[in-house]
N, C-alpha and C. Protein backbone atom coordinates (compact mmCIF):
# COMPACT_ATOMS: atom_id res chain seq x y z
N UNK A 1 -15.77 6.51 3.58
CA UNK A 1 -14.47 5.62 4.43
C UNK A 1 -15.14 4.71 5.20
N UNK A 2 -14.67 3.52 5.46
CA UNK A 2 -14.97 2.72 6.48
C UNK A 2 -14.55 3.11 7.85
N UNK A 3 -15.52 2.08 8.73
CA UNK A 3 -15.09 2.71 10.37
C UNK A 3 -13.63 2.40 10.33
N UNK A 4 -13.06 1.28 9.74
CA UNK A 4 -11.74 0.62 10.18
C UNK A 4 -11.01 1.55 9.41
N UNK A 5 -10.87 2.28 8.04
CA UNK A 5 -10.11 3.34 7.53
C UNK A 5 -10.06 4.44 8.59
N UNK A 6 -10.98 4.78 9.02
CA UNK A 6 -11.07 5.98 10.03
C UNK A 6 -10.15 5.93 11.31
N UNK A 7 -10.33 4.53 11.72
CA UNK A 7 -9.77 4.28 13.04
C UNK A 7 -8.06 4.10 12.68
N UNK A 8 -7.92 3.50 11.56
CA UNK A 8 -6.46 3.66 11.00
C UNK A 8 -5.78 4.97 10.67
N UNK A 9 -6.50 5.89 10.15
CA UNK A 9 -6.06 7.26 10.15
C UNK A 9 -5.94 8.10 11.46
N UNK A 10 -6.87 7.65 12.42
CA UNK A 10 -6.53 8.58 13.72
C UNK A 10 -5.69 7.86 14.22
N UNK A 11 -5.23 6.50 14.10
CA UNK A 11 -4.00 5.83 14.80
C UNK A 11 -2.94 6.50 14.34
N UNK A 12 -2.86 6.57 13.06
CA UNK A 12 -1.49 7.21 12.42
C UNK A 12 -1.40 8.72 12.86
N UNK A 13 -2.56 9.29 12.66
CA UNK A 13 -2.32 10.73 13.25
C UNK A 13 -1.73 10.83 14.84
N UNK A 14 -2.35 10.08 15.61
CA UNK A 14 -1.79 10.08 16.99
C UNK A 14 -0.39 10.04 16.90
N UNK A 15 0.19 9.00 16.30
CA UNK A 15 1.48 8.59 16.14
C UNK A 15 2.24 9.78 15.63
N UNK A 16 1.70 10.33 14.50
CA UNK A 16 2.60 11.66 14.01
C UNK A 16 2.54 12.71 15.05
N UNK A 17 1.46 12.74 15.90
CA UNK A 17 1.58 13.99 16.73
C UNK A 17 2.62 13.69 17.89
N UNK A 18 2.63 12.53 18.33
CA UNK A 18 3.60 11.98 19.17
C UNK A 18 5.05 12.17 18.74
N UNK A 19 5.38 11.66 17.64
CA UNK A 19 6.66 11.98 16.79
C UNK A 19 6.78 13.46 16.76
N UNK A 20 5.85 14.20 16.28
CA UNK A 20 6.01 15.66 16.23
C UNK A 20 6.43 16.41 17.33
N UNK A 21 5.74 15.93 18.65
CA UNK A 21 5.96 16.51 19.85
C UNK A 21 7.47 16.06 20.25
N UNK A 22 7.93 15.13 19.72
CA UNK A 22 9.21 14.74 20.34
C UNK A 22 10.34 15.73 19.47
N UNK A 23 9.75 15.87 18.16
CA UNK A 23 10.74 16.80 17.37
C UNK A 23 10.66 18.23 17.97
N UNK A 24 9.52 18.63 18.25
CA UNK A 24 9.55 20.04 18.73
C UNK A 24 10.24 20.24 20.05
N UNK A 25 10.06 19.25 21.19
CA UNK A 25 10.72 19.28 22.39
C UNK A 25 12.22 19.38 22.20
N UNK A 26 12.73 18.78 21.29
CA UNK A 26 14.20 18.44 21.25
C UNK A 26 14.96 19.45 20.58
N UNK A 27 14.29 20.15 19.46
CA UNK A 27 14.92 21.28 18.91
C UNK A 27 13.74 22.02 18.26
N UNK A 28 14.18 23.27 17.89
CA UNK A 28 13.31 24.24 17.27
C UNK A 28 13.17 23.86 15.66
N UNK A 29 14.21 23.15 15.20
CA UNK A 29 14.27 22.80 13.78
C UNK A 29 14.89 21.44 13.61
N UNK A 30 15.01 20.87 12.66
CA UNK A 30 15.24 19.45 12.46
C UNK A 30 16.92 19.70 12.22
N UNK A 31 17.50 19.06 12.57
CA UNK A 31 18.98 18.87 12.43
C UNK A 31 19.22 17.37 12.22
N UNK A 32 20.65 17.39 11.65
CA UNK A 32 21.20 15.80 11.31
C UNK A 32 21.31 14.99 12.48
N UNK A 33 21.47 15.55 13.81
CA UNK A 33 21.47 14.68 14.72
C UNK A 33 20.04 14.32 15.65
N UNK A 34 18.84 14.75 14.65
CA UNK A 34 17.54 14.40 15.18
C UNK A 34 17.33 12.92 15.06
N UNK A 35 16.82 12.21 16.12
CA UNK A 35 16.51 10.70 15.55
C UNK A 35 15.12 10.63 14.99
N UNK A 36 14.32 11.77 15.12
CA UNK A 36 12.85 11.49 14.58
C UNK A 36 12.93 12.15 13.16
N UNK A 37 12.13 11.48 12.25
CA UNK A 37 12.24 11.93 10.86
C UNK A 37 10.75 11.62 10.28
N UNK A 38 10.55 12.05 9.20
CA UNK A 38 9.30 11.90 8.25
C UNK A 38 9.79 11.48 6.90
N UNK A 39 8.76 11.03 6.27
CA UNK A 39 9.20 10.48 4.90
C UNK A 39 7.72 10.52 4.00
N UNK A 40 7.87 10.72 2.66
CA UNK A 40 6.82 10.56 1.94
C UNK A 40 7.20 10.09 0.62
N UNK A 41 6.51 8.95 0.16
CA UNK A 41 6.72 8.48 -1.29
C UNK A 41 5.71 8.09 -1.76
N UNK A 42 6.01 7.87 -3.11
CA UNK A 42 4.71 7.52 -4.08
C UNK A 42 5.39 6.73 -5.29
N UNK A 43 4.45 5.75 -5.92
CA UNK A 43 5.04 5.00 -6.94
C UNK A 43 3.83 4.21 -7.89
N UNK A 44 4.16 2.88 -7.69
CA UNK A 44 3.09 1.83 -8.20
C UNK A 44 2.92 0.80 -7.18
N UNK A 45 1.63 0.04 -7.28
CA UNK A 45 1.51 -1.02 -6.41
C UNK A 45 1.17 -2.25 -7.47
N UNK A 46 1.59 -3.24 -7.20
CA UNK A 46 1.31 -4.17 -8.17
C UNK A 46 0.76 -5.39 -7.68
N UNK A 47 -0.26 -6.12 -8.26
CA UNK A 47 -1.23 -7.44 -7.60
C UNK A 47 -1.36 -8.32 -8.75
N UNK A 48 -1.00 -9.65 -8.77
CA UNK A 48 -1.21 -10.50 -9.53
C UNK A 48 -2.71 -11.01 -9.36
N UNK A 49 -3.65 -10.74 -10.12
CA UNK A 49 -5.07 -11.21 -10.15
C UNK A 49 -5.55 -11.93 -11.23
N UNK A 50 -4.37 -12.65 -11.90
CA UNK A 50 -4.41 -13.50 -13.03
C UNK A 50 -5.30 -14.61 -12.68
N UNK A 51 -5.05 -15.29 -11.46
CA UNK A 51 -5.87 -16.61 -11.26
C UNK A 51 -7.11 -16.32 -10.81
N UNK A 52 -7.61 -15.46 -10.10
CA UNK A 52 -8.68 -15.03 -9.82
C UNK A 52 -9.51 -14.68 -11.04
N UNK A 53 -8.91 -13.75 -11.80
CA UNK A 53 -9.83 -13.18 -12.86
C UNK A 53 -9.99 -14.56 -13.91
N UNK A 54 -8.90 -15.50 -14.13
CA UNK A 54 -9.34 -16.40 -15.21
C UNK A 54 -10.59 -17.32 -14.45
N UNK A 55 -10.01 -17.68 -13.12
CA UNK A 55 -11.17 -18.54 -12.85
C UNK A 55 -12.70 -18.02 -12.71
N UNK A 56 -12.66 -16.79 -12.17
CA UNK A 56 -13.99 -16.03 -12.13
C UNK A 56 -14.79 -16.09 -13.76
N UNK A 57 -13.93 -15.79 -14.31
CA UNK A 57 -14.29 -15.73 -16.09
C UNK A 57 -14.76 -16.95 -16.57
N UNK A 58 -13.91 -18.25 -16.08
CA UNK A 58 -14.42 -19.32 -16.57
C UNK A 58 -15.81 -19.84 -15.87
N UNK A 59 -15.94 -19.47 -14.79
CA UNK A 59 -17.25 -19.75 -13.89
C UNK A 59 -18.29 -18.97 -14.67
N UNK A 60 -18.01 -17.86 -14.99
CA UNK A 60 -19.05 -17.11 -15.41
C UNK A 60 -19.28 -17.44 -16.93
N UNK A 61 -18.32 -18.09 -17.75
CA UNK A 61 -18.86 -18.48 -18.86
C UNK A 61 -19.84 -19.65 -19.11
N UNK A 62 -19.23 -20.52 -17.85
CA UNK A 62 -19.82 -21.44 -17.89
C UNK A 62 -21.37 -21.57 -17.23
N UNK A 63 -21.69 -20.54 -16.55
CA UNK A 63 -22.88 -20.12 -16.09
C UNK A 63 -23.98 -19.51 -17.16
N UNK A 64 -23.07 -18.91 -18.26
CA UNK A 64 -23.96 -17.96 -19.29
C UNK A 64 -23.81 -19.01 -20.57
N UNK A 65 -22.96 -19.98 -20.50
CA UNK A 65 -23.02 -20.61 -21.96
C UNK A 65 -22.31 -20.10 -22.92
N UNK A 66 -21.58 -18.93 -22.70
CA UNK A 66 -20.88 -18.42 -23.88
C UNK A 66 -19.58 -17.85 -23.53
N UNK A 67 -18.80 -17.46 -24.46
CA UNK A 67 -17.50 -16.96 -24.32
C UNK A 67 -17.44 -15.65 -23.59
N UNK A 68 -16.63 -15.61 -22.53
CA UNK A 68 -16.29 -14.21 -21.65
C UNK A 68 -14.99 -13.80 -21.70
N UNK A 69 -14.93 -12.60 -22.28
CA UNK A 69 -13.52 -11.86 -22.22
C UNK A 69 -13.18 -11.34 -21.06
N UNK A 70 -12.02 -11.42 -20.61
CA UNK A 70 -11.48 -10.95 -19.26
C UNK A 70 -10.25 -10.19 -19.65
N UNK A 71 -10.36 -8.91 -18.87
CA UNK A 71 -9.10 -7.96 -18.81
C UNK A 71 -8.90 -7.60 -17.52
N UNK A 72 -7.53 -7.43 -17.01
CA UNK A 72 -7.32 -6.93 -15.69
C UNK A 72 -5.95 -6.13 -15.53
N UNK A 73 -6.13 -5.17 -14.74
CA UNK A 73 -4.73 -4.48 -14.24
C UNK A 73 -3.81 -5.11 -13.52
N UNK A 74 -2.77 -4.72 -13.87
CA UNK A 74 -1.40 -5.30 -13.42
C UNK A 74 -0.88 -4.36 -12.14
N UNK A 75 -1.17 -3.18 -12.40
CA UNK A 75 -0.68 -2.18 -11.33
C UNK A 75 -1.52 -0.80 -11.22
N UNK A 76 -1.43 -0.18 -10.18
CA UNK A 76 -2.13 1.17 -10.00
C UNK A 76 -1.11 2.00 -9.05
N UNK A 77 -1.58 3.27 -8.84
CA UNK A 77 -0.82 4.26 -8.19
C UNK A 77 -0.61 3.70 -6.48
N UNK A 78 0.12 4.30 -5.81
CA UNK A 78 0.09 3.99 -4.53
C UNK A 78 1.01 5.19 -3.62
N UNK A 79 0.85 5.40 -2.52
CA UNK A 79 1.49 6.25 -1.63
C UNK A 79 1.80 5.91 -0.39
N UNK A 80 2.53 6.60 0.37
CA UNK A 80 2.79 6.26 1.95
C UNK A 80 3.50 7.28 2.49
N UNK A 81 2.98 7.56 3.54
CA UNK A 81 3.53 8.72 4.71
C UNK A 81 3.93 7.92 5.84
N UNK A 82 5.21 8.28 6.36
CA UNK A 82 6.03 7.67 7.32
C UNK A 82 6.45 8.46 8.36
N UNK A 83 6.46 7.90 9.49
CA UNK A 83 7.20 8.52 10.53
C UNK A 83 8.11 7.59 11.14
N UNK A 84 9.40 8.11 11.51
CA UNK A 84 10.61 7.06 11.97
C UNK A 84 11.17 7.55 13.17
N UNK A 85 11.86 6.94 13.78
CA UNK A 85 12.82 7.06 14.77
C UNK A 85 14.07 6.16 14.67
N UNK A 86 15.24 6.79 14.59
CA UNK A 86 16.63 6.19 14.61
C UNK A 86 16.97 5.76 16.00
N UNK A 87 16.99 4.60 16.19
CA UNK A 87 17.61 3.68 17.32
C UNK A 87 18.86 3.85 17.57
N UNK A 88 19.70 3.51 16.22
CA UNK A 88 20.99 3.73 16.17
C UNK A 88 21.54 4.08 14.82
N UNK A 89 22.61 3.91 14.65
CA UNK A 89 23.13 4.30 13.10
C UNK A 89 22.65 3.60 12.16
N UNK A 90 22.31 2.16 12.73
CA UNK A 90 21.91 1.04 11.57
C UNK A 90 20.26 0.85 11.66
N UNK A 91 19.80 1.01 12.94
CA UNK A 91 18.43 0.62 13.16
C UNK A 91 17.48 1.50 13.32
N UNK A 92 16.40 1.32 12.59
CA UNK A 92 15.01 2.37 12.61
C UNK A 92 13.91 1.75 12.79
N UNK A 93 13.00 2.29 13.58
CA UNK A 93 11.74 2.00 14.00
C UNK A 93 10.77 2.83 12.82
N UNK A 94 9.93 2.20 12.17
CA UNK A 94 8.92 3.18 11.35
C UNK A 94 7.58 2.68 11.55
N UNK A 95 6.70 3.89 11.35
CA UNK A 95 5.25 3.56 11.27
C UNK A 95 4.70 4.42 10.14
N UNK A 96 3.75 3.77 9.24
CA UNK A 96 3.47 4.29 7.98
C UNK A 96 1.87 4.13 7.65
N UNK A 97 1.45 5.09 7.21
CA UNK A 97 0.01 4.82 6.59
C UNK A 97 0.16 4.79 5.01
N UNK A 98 -0.47 3.96 4.45
CA UNK A 98 -0.31 3.69 2.78
C UNK A 98 -2.01 3.38 2.25
N UNK A 99 -1.80 3.56 1.05
CA UNK A 99 -3.11 3.70 0.36
C UNK A 99 -2.69 3.28 -1.19
N UNK A 100 -3.60 2.59 -1.82
CA UNK A 100 -3.43 2.36 -3.46
C UNK A 100 -4.61 2.77 -3.98
N UNK A 101 -4.45 2.78 -5.35
CA UNK A 101 -5.65 3.20 -6.37
C UNK A 101 -6.26 1.53 -6.57
N UNK A 102 -7.03 1.56 -7.52
CA UNK A 102 -8.16 0.46 -7.98
C UNK A 102 -7.21 -0.76 -8.81
N UNK A 103 -7.14 -1.91 -8.68
CA UNK A 103 -6.96 -2.80 -9.48
C UNK A 103 -8.14 -3.38 -10.36
N UNK A 104 -8.38 -3.36 -11.37
CA UNK A 104 -9.68 -3.64 -11.97
C UNK A 104 -9.70 -4.79 -12.59
N UNK A 105 -10.58 -5.63 -12.55
CA UNK A 105 -10.90 -6.79 -13.37
C UNK A 105 -12.26 -6.81 -14.13
N UNK A 106 -12.23 -6.64 -15.44
CA UNK A 106 -13.54 -6.77 -16.27
C UNK A 106 -13.78 -7.80 -16.81
N UNK A 107 -14.93 -8.40 -16.82
CA UNK A 107 -15.43 -9.61 -17.52
C UNK A 107 -16.62 -9.03 -18.61
N UNK A 108 -16.38 -9.25 -19.95
CA UNK A 108 -17.24 -8.81 -20.78
C UNK A 108 -18.13 -9.84 -21.71
N UNK A 109 -19.28 -9.39 -22.14
CA UNK A 109 -19.86 -10.22 -23.12
C UNK A 109 -20.64 -9.24 -23.93
N UNK A 110 -21.03 -9.57 -25.22
CA UNK A 110 -21.70 -8.61 -26.00
C UNK A 110 -22.87 -7.60 -25.38
N UNK A 111 -22.74 -6.51 -25.23
CA UNK A 111 -23.70 -5.64 -24.49
C UNK A 111 -23.88 -5.67 -22.90
N UNK A 112 -22.83 -6.22 -22.35
CA UNK A 112 -22.73 -6.34 -20.79
C UNK A 112 -21.37 -6.63 -20.18
N UNK A 113 -21.23 -6.00 -18.95
CA UNK A 113 -19.78 -6.33 -18.49
C UNK A 113 -20.10 -6.09 -16.79
N UNK A 114 -19.11 -6.62 -16.22
CA UNK A 114 -18.99 -6.66 -14.91
C UNK A 114 -17.51 -6.32 -14.32
N UNK A 115 -17.27 -5.20 -13.53
CA UNK A 115 -16.07 -4.75 -13.26
C UNK A 115 -15.79 -4.84 -11.89
N UNK A 116 -14.90 -5.72 -11.39
CA UNK A 116 -14.54 -5.74 -10.06
C UNK A 116 -13.34 -4.69 -9.73
N UNK A 117 -13.29 -3.85 -8.80
CA UNK A 117 -12.31 -3.09 -8.19
C UNK A 117 -11.54 -3.47 -7.08
N UNK A 118 -10.27 -3.49 -6.93
CA UNK A 118 -9.82 -3.67 -5.46
C UNK A 118 -8.79 -2.74 -5.14
N UNK A 119 -9.01 -2.31 -3.95
CA UNK A 119 -7.90 -1.46 -3.09
C UNK A 119 -7.42 -1.72 -1.93
N UNK A 120 -6.34 -1.12 -1.62
CA UNK A 120 -5.68 -1.53 -0.14
C UNK A 120 -5.41 -0.13 0.51
N UNK A 121 -5.45 -0.12 1.86
CA UNK A 121 -4.86 0.84 2.80
C UNK A 121 -4.72 0.38 4.19
N UNK A 122 -4.05 1.28 5.01
CA UNK A 122 -3.85 0.63 6.22
C UNK A 122 -2.44 1.43 6.79
N UNK A 123 -2.47 1.02 8.04
CA UNK A 123 -1.06 1.32 8.55
C UNK A 123 -0.03 0.18 8.81
N UNK A 124 1.15 0.60 8.74
CA UNK A 124 2.37 -0.57 8.83
C UNK A 124 3.32 -0.37 9.72
N UNK A 125 3.99 -1.06 10.43
CA UNK A 125 4.99 -1.05 11.34
C UNK A 125 6.05 -1.77 10.95
N UNK A 126 7.36 -1.17 11.06
CA UNK A 126 8.54 -1.81 10.52
C UNK A 126 10.06 -1.55 11.18
N UNK A 127 10.68 -2.61 10.98
CA UNK A 127 12.09 -2.49 11.75
C UNK A 127 12.96 -2.07 10.16
N UNK A 128 13.67 -1.20 10.04
CA UNK A 128 14.35 -0.96 9.15
C UNK A 128 16.01 -0.84 9.43
N UNK A 129 16.82 -1.53 8.64
CA UNK A 129 18.06 -1.82 8.98
C UNK A 129 18.88 -1.37 8.04
N UNK A 130 19.79 -0.42 8.04
CA UNK A 130 20.66 0.13 7.12
C UNK A 130 22.14 -0.52 7.12
N UNK A 131 22.52 -1.04 5.85
CA UNK A 131 23.96 -1.68 6.13
C UNK A 131 24.98 -0.45 5.98
N UNK A 132 25.53 -0.58 6.76
CA UNK A 132 26.92 0.36 7.02
C UNK A 132 26.55 1.76 6.07
N UNK A 133 27.45 2.14 5.23
CA UNK A 133 27.52 3.39 4.50
C UNK A 133 27.31 3.04 3.09
N UNK A 134 26.60 2.04 2.79
CA UNK A 134 26.46 1.51 1.45
C UNK A 134 25.28 2.17 0.77
N UNK A 135 24.28 2.41 1.79
CA UNK A 135 22.99 3.05 1.17
C UNK A 135 21.83 2.36 1.22
N UNK A 136 22.03 0.85 0.97
CA UNK A 136 21.42 -0.23 0.97
C UNK A 136 20.65 -0.38 2.49
N UNK A 137 19.32 -0.67 2.24
CA UNK A 137 18.53 -1.11 3.61
C UNK A 137 17.56 -2.21 3.45
N UNK A 138 17.09 -2.83 4.32
CA UNK A 138 16.10 -3.76 4.35
C UNK A 138 15.24 -3.64 5.59
N UNK A 139 13.94 -4.16 5.43
CA UNK A 139 12.82 -3.68 6.38
C UNK A 139 12.26 -5.19 6.75
N UNK A 140 11.52 -5.12 7.74
CA UNK A 140 10.47 -6.06 8.09
C UNK A 140 9.65 -5.95 9.24
N UNK A 141 8.28 -6.08 8.65
CA UNK A 141 7.25 -5.69 9.87
C UNK A 141 6.05 -6.51 9.63
N UNK A 142 5.14 -5.54 10.04
CA UNK A 142 3.54 -6.17 9.69
C UNK A 142 2.76 -5.06 9.32
N UNK A 143 1.34 -5.14 9.06
CA UNK A 143 0.62 -4.21 8.67
C UNK A 143 -0.72 -4.66 9.18
N UNK A 144 -1.75 -3.69 9.42
CA UNK A 144 -3.10 -3.51 9.77
C UNK A 144 -3.80 -3.00 8.71
N UNK A 145 -4.49 -3.77 7.69
CA UNK A 145 -5.05 -3.24 6.49
C UNK A 145 -6.38 -3.61 6.27
N UNK A 146 -6.66 -2.70 5.25
CA UNK A 146 -8.19 -3.09 4.63
C UNK A 146 -8.09 -3.25 3.14
N UNK A 147 -8.63 -4.49 2.81
CA UNK A 147 -8.90 -4.67 1.27
C UNK A 147 -10.51 -4.28 0.98
N UNK A 148 -10.41 -3.54 0.22
CA UNK A 148 -11.86 -3.09 -0.36
C UNK A 148 -12.22 -3.64 -1.91
N UNK A 149 -13.21 -4.01 -1.95
CA UNK A 149 -13.68 -4.43 -3.26
C UNK A 149 -15.16 -3.90 -3.72
N UNK A 150 -15.36 -3.46 -4.89
CA UNK A 150 -16.49 -3.17 -5.34
C UNK A 150 -16.97 -3.77 -6.75
N UNK A 151 -18.15 -4.14 -6.83
CA UNK A 151 -18.39 -4.60 -8.42
C UNK A 151 -19.53 -4.04 -9.04
N UNK A 152 -19.57 -3.79 -10.24
CA UNK A 152 -20.22 -2.99 -10.92
C UNK A 152 -20.76 -3.38 -12.49
N UNK A 153 -22.07 -3.52 -12.68
CA UNK A 153 -22.59 -4.42 -13.70
C UNK A 153 -23.17 -3.33 -14.61
N UNK A 154 -22.79 -3.27 -15.91
CA UNK A 154 -23.45 -2.29 -17.00
C UNK A 154 -23.69 -3.07 -17.97
N UNK A 155 -24.66 -2.85 -18.49
CA UNK A 155 -25.59 -3.01 -19.55
C UNK A 155 -25.74 -1.93 -20.78
N UNK A 156 -25.17 -2.40 -21.87
CA UNK A 156 -25.09 -1.38 -22.95
C UNK A 156 -24.40 0.06 -22.60
N UNK A 157 -23.57 -0.06 -21.88
CA UNK A 157 -22.82 1.08 -21.26
C UNK A 157 -23.22 1.70 -19.91
N UNK A 158 -24.34 1.40 -19.40
CA UNK A 158 -24.96 2.26 -18.49
C UNK A 158 -24.96 1.20 -17.30
N UNK A 159 -24.67 1.64 -15.95
CA UNK A 159 -24.45 0.83 -14.76
C UNK A 159 -25.96 0.56 -14.15
N UNK A 160 -26.13 -0.85 -13.91
CA UNK A 160 -27.48 -1.22 -13.71
C UNK A 160 -27.59 -1.79 -12.11
N UNK A 161 -26.22 -2.18 -11.78
CA UNK A 161 -26.15 -2.50 -10.34
C UNK A 161 -24.80 -2.37 -9.92
N UNK A 162 -24.45 -2.21 -8.47
CA UNK A 162 -23.10 -2.35 -7.84
C UNK A 162 -23.23 -2.77 -6.38
N UNK A 163 -22.07 -3.24 -6.03
CA UNK A 163 -21.94 -3.78 -4.53
C UNK A 163 -20.52 -3.49 -3.95
N UNK A 164 -20.42 -3.63 -2.88
CA UNK A 164 -19.11 -3.16 -2.27
C UNK A 164 -19.04 -4.25 -1.06
N UNK A 165 -17.63 -4.44 -0.53
CA UNK A 165 -17.51 -5.24 0.60
C UNK A 165 -16.16 -4.83 0.91
N UNK A 166 -15.66 -5.21 2.18
CA UNK A 166 -14.14 -5.04 2.59
C UNK A 166 -13.71 -6.06 3.65
N UNK A 167 -12.48 -6.26 3.63
CA UNK A 167 -11.98 -7.16 4.82
C UNK A 167 -11.01 -6.65 5.40
N UNK A 168 -10.45 -6.65 6.70
CA UNK A 168 -9.64 -6.34 7.57
C UNK A 168 -9.01 -7.24 8.18
N UNK A 169 -7.67 -6.75 8.69
CA UNK A 169 -6.98 -7.80 9.47
C UNK A 169 -5.29 -7.55 9.16
N UNK A 170 -4.45 -8.43 9.41
CA UNK A 170 -2.92 -8.11 9.73
C UNK A 170 -2.30 -8.92 8.63
N UNK A 171 -0.95 -8.75 8.29
CA UNK A 171 -0.36 -9.37 7.51
C UNK A 171 1.34 -9.13 7.59
N UNK A 172 2.37 -9.76 6.93
CA UNK A 172 3.50 -9.61 6.98
C UNK A 172 4.17 -8.39 5.97
N UNK A 173 4.97 -7.74 6.24
CA UNK A 173 5.61 -6.87 5.46
C UNK A 173 7.24 -7.07 5.36
N UNK A 174 7.64 -7.02 4.10
CA UNK A 174 9.12 -7.16 4.00
C UNK A 174 9.39 -6.08 2.86
N UNK A 175 10.67 -5.85 2.80
CA UNK A 175 10.98 -5.18 1.81
C UNK A 175 12.65 -4.54 1.84
N UNK A 176 13.09 -3.67 0.76
CA UNK A 176 14.43 -3.18 0.74
C UNK A 176 14.49 -2.22 -0.20
N UNK A 177 15.74 -1.50 -0.11
CA UNK A 177 15.94 -0.46 -1.10
C UNK A 177 17.34 0.17 -1.13
N UNK A 178 17.39 1.41 -1.48
CA UNK A 178 18.61 2.33 -1.61
C UNK A 178 18.30 3.77 -1.04
N UNK A 179 19.15 4.21 -0.27
CA UNK A 179 18.92 5.67 0.45
C UNK A 179 20.22 6.30 0.07
N UNK A 180 20.04 7.48 -0.40
CA UNK A 180 21.42 8.44 -0.69
C UNK A 180 21.06 9.86 0.13
N UNK A 181 22.15 10.25 0.50
CA UNK A 181 22.23 11.70 1.04
C UNK A 181 23.08 12.81 0.21
N UNK A 182 22.43 13.82 0.00
CA UNK A 182 23.07 14.72 -1.09
C UNK A 182 23.94 15.64 0.00
N UNK A 183 24.71 16.50 -0.57
CA UNK A 183 25.92 17.21 -0.10
C UNK A 183 25.07 18.30 0.92
N UNK A 184 24.00 18.52 0.69
CA UNK A 184 23.09 19.41 1.41
C UNK A 184 22.50 18.83 2.48
N UNK A 185 22.48 17.80 2.64
CA UNK A 185 21.89 16.95 3.77
C UNK A 185 20.48 16.34 3.41
N UNK A 186 19.83 16.58 2.01
CA UNK A 186 18.69 16.05 1.58
C UNK A 186 18.70 14.37 1.27
N UNK A 187 17.72 13.71 1.98
CA UNK A 187 17.69 12.38 1.80
C UNK A 187 16.61 11.80 0.71
N UNK A 188 17.14 11.09 -0.07
CA UNK A 188 16.11 10.48 -0.88
C UNK A 188 16.20 9.15 -1.00
N UNK A 189 15.30 8.08 -1.49
CA UNK A 189 15.26 6.99 -1.46
C UNK A 189 14.32 6.23 -2.38
N UNK A 190 14.83 5.03 -2.83
CA UNK A 190 13.94 4.23 -3.51
C UNK A 190 13.84 2.74 -3.12
N UNK A 191 12.79 2.01 -3.42
CA UNK A 191 12.57 0.62 -2.90
C UNK A 191 11.42 -0.18 -3.35
N UNK A 192 11.43 -1.25 -2.88
CA UNK A 192 10.09 -2.29 -3.16
C UNK A 192 9.80 -2.84 -1.87
N UNK A 193 8.60 -2.74 -1.48
CA UNK A 193 7.93 -3.40 -0.21
C UNK A 193 7.03 -4.63 -0.84
N UNK A 194 6.74 -5.59 0.06
CA UNK A 194 5.87 -6.42 -0.55
C UNK A 194 4.93 -6.68 0.92
N UNK A 195 3.46 -6.36 0.80
CA UNK A 195 2.62 -6.39 1.83
C UNK A 195 1.74 -7.60 1.34
N UNK A 196 1.68 -8.61 2.35
CA UNK A 196 1.41 -10.03 2.04
C UNK A 196 0.09 -10.13 3.00
N UNK A 197 -0.91 -10.86 2.33
CA UNK A 197 -2.27 -11.19 2.88
C UNK A 197 -2.95 -9.82 3.52
N UNK A 198 -3.02 -8.90 2.36
CA UNK A 198 -3.81 -7.58 2.66
C UNK A 198 -5.22 -7.89 3.21
N UNK A 199 -5.61 -7.18 4.24
CA UNK A 199 -6.93 -7.43 4.94
C UNK A 199 -7.19 -8.79 5.50
N UNK A 200 -5.99 -9.52 5.56
CA UNK A 200 -6.16 -10.91 6.31
C UNK A 200 -6.76 -11.94 5.09
N UNK A 201 -6.61 -11.53 3.85
CA UNK A 201 -7.02 -12.21 2.85
C UNK A 201 -5.86 -13.24 2.17
N UNK A 202 -5.96 -14.55 2.29
CA UNK A 202 -4.75 -15.22 1.82
C UNK A 202 -4.24 -14.90 0.55
N UNK A 203 -3.10 -14.79 0.18
CA UNK A 203 -2.48 -14.41 -1.17
C UNK A 203 -2.93 -13.09 -1.71
N UNK A 204 -3.62 -12.57 -1.00
CA UNK A 204 -3.80 -10.90 -1.58
C UNK A 204 -2.90 -10.14 -1.07
N UNK A 205 -1.74 -10.25 -2.14
CA UNK A 205 -0.28 -9.63 -2.04
C UNK A 205 -0.28 -8.42 -2.76
N UNK A 206 0.01 -7.19 -2.30
CA UNK A 206 0.70 -5.96 -3.04
C UNK A 206 1.99 -5.54 -2.92
N UNK A 207 2.63 -5.40 -4.17
CA UNK A 207 3.94 -4.97 -4.39
C UNK A 207 3.86 -3.32 -4.39
N UNK A 208 5.01 -2.87 -3.66
CA UNK A 208 5.08 -1.41 -3.94
C UNK A 208 6.37 -0.88 -4.20
N UNK A 209 6.55 -0.35 -5.32
CA UNK A 209 7.67 0.04 -6.09
C UNK A 209 7.68 1.49 -5.69
N UNK A 210 8.43 2.35 -5.19
CA UNK A 210 8.54 3.57 -4.89
C UNK A 210 9.72 4.33 -4.76
N UNK A 211 9.59 5.75 -4.80
CA UNK A 211 10.59 6.82 -4.83
C UNK A 211 9.96 7.94 -3.73
N UNK A 212 11.00 8.32 -2.82
CA UNK A 212 10.58 9.24 -1.90
C UNK A 212 11.61 10.16 -1.19
N UNK A 213 11.15 10.87 -0.22
CA UNK A 213 12.22 11.82 0.47
C UNK A 213 12.09 11.87 1.80
N UNK A 214 13.15 12.25 2.56
CA UNK A 214 12.73 12.35 4.07
C UNK A 214 12.75 13.96 4.27
N UNK A 215 12.00 14.39 5.46
CA UNK A 215 12.16 15.71 5.56
C UNK A 215 11.88 15.77 7.11
């Protein structure tokens, strides 16, 4: 784990402890009127790496003087842990920690391959707006994130070299979805968020399609 990821995790933990302290101070157990809540969601993260993959594949083909086969992932797993505060019936403030699996790009020639793997993680801050009693919501905010990349070279199936790099920075977050409350008070939700310029890298955009619950 990079130093930036450690700082992100510590920052999120501090916010969670503050929210947890507020929860404990206001009541011994969570109630419907408690403005503090937590949420956990999971799903798929999407990233369009086609332009990068095809451009790099062509550059590699030009350098080697032979055809290069290019394959790439379109999605991977993702998850998010959230702490929120209900400012009013319609407005919520949220802070979350998110992370994704790897989006792989593989360039192959007979007997050799190069695989690039990209993943994202970080903290996000968002203003969430609930549209009356419809269950629909929208959110807008920002993220402080880390884009990590690793390249692995294989010859005849054996790894002969590898390298890693990362970039950190801020970007914009927008999203929306639907939230429902069961008769027993359980709250579930689904939605789609777009994290733009992950790691402050232009056009490194990750979409997050998720389902989750509040507790």
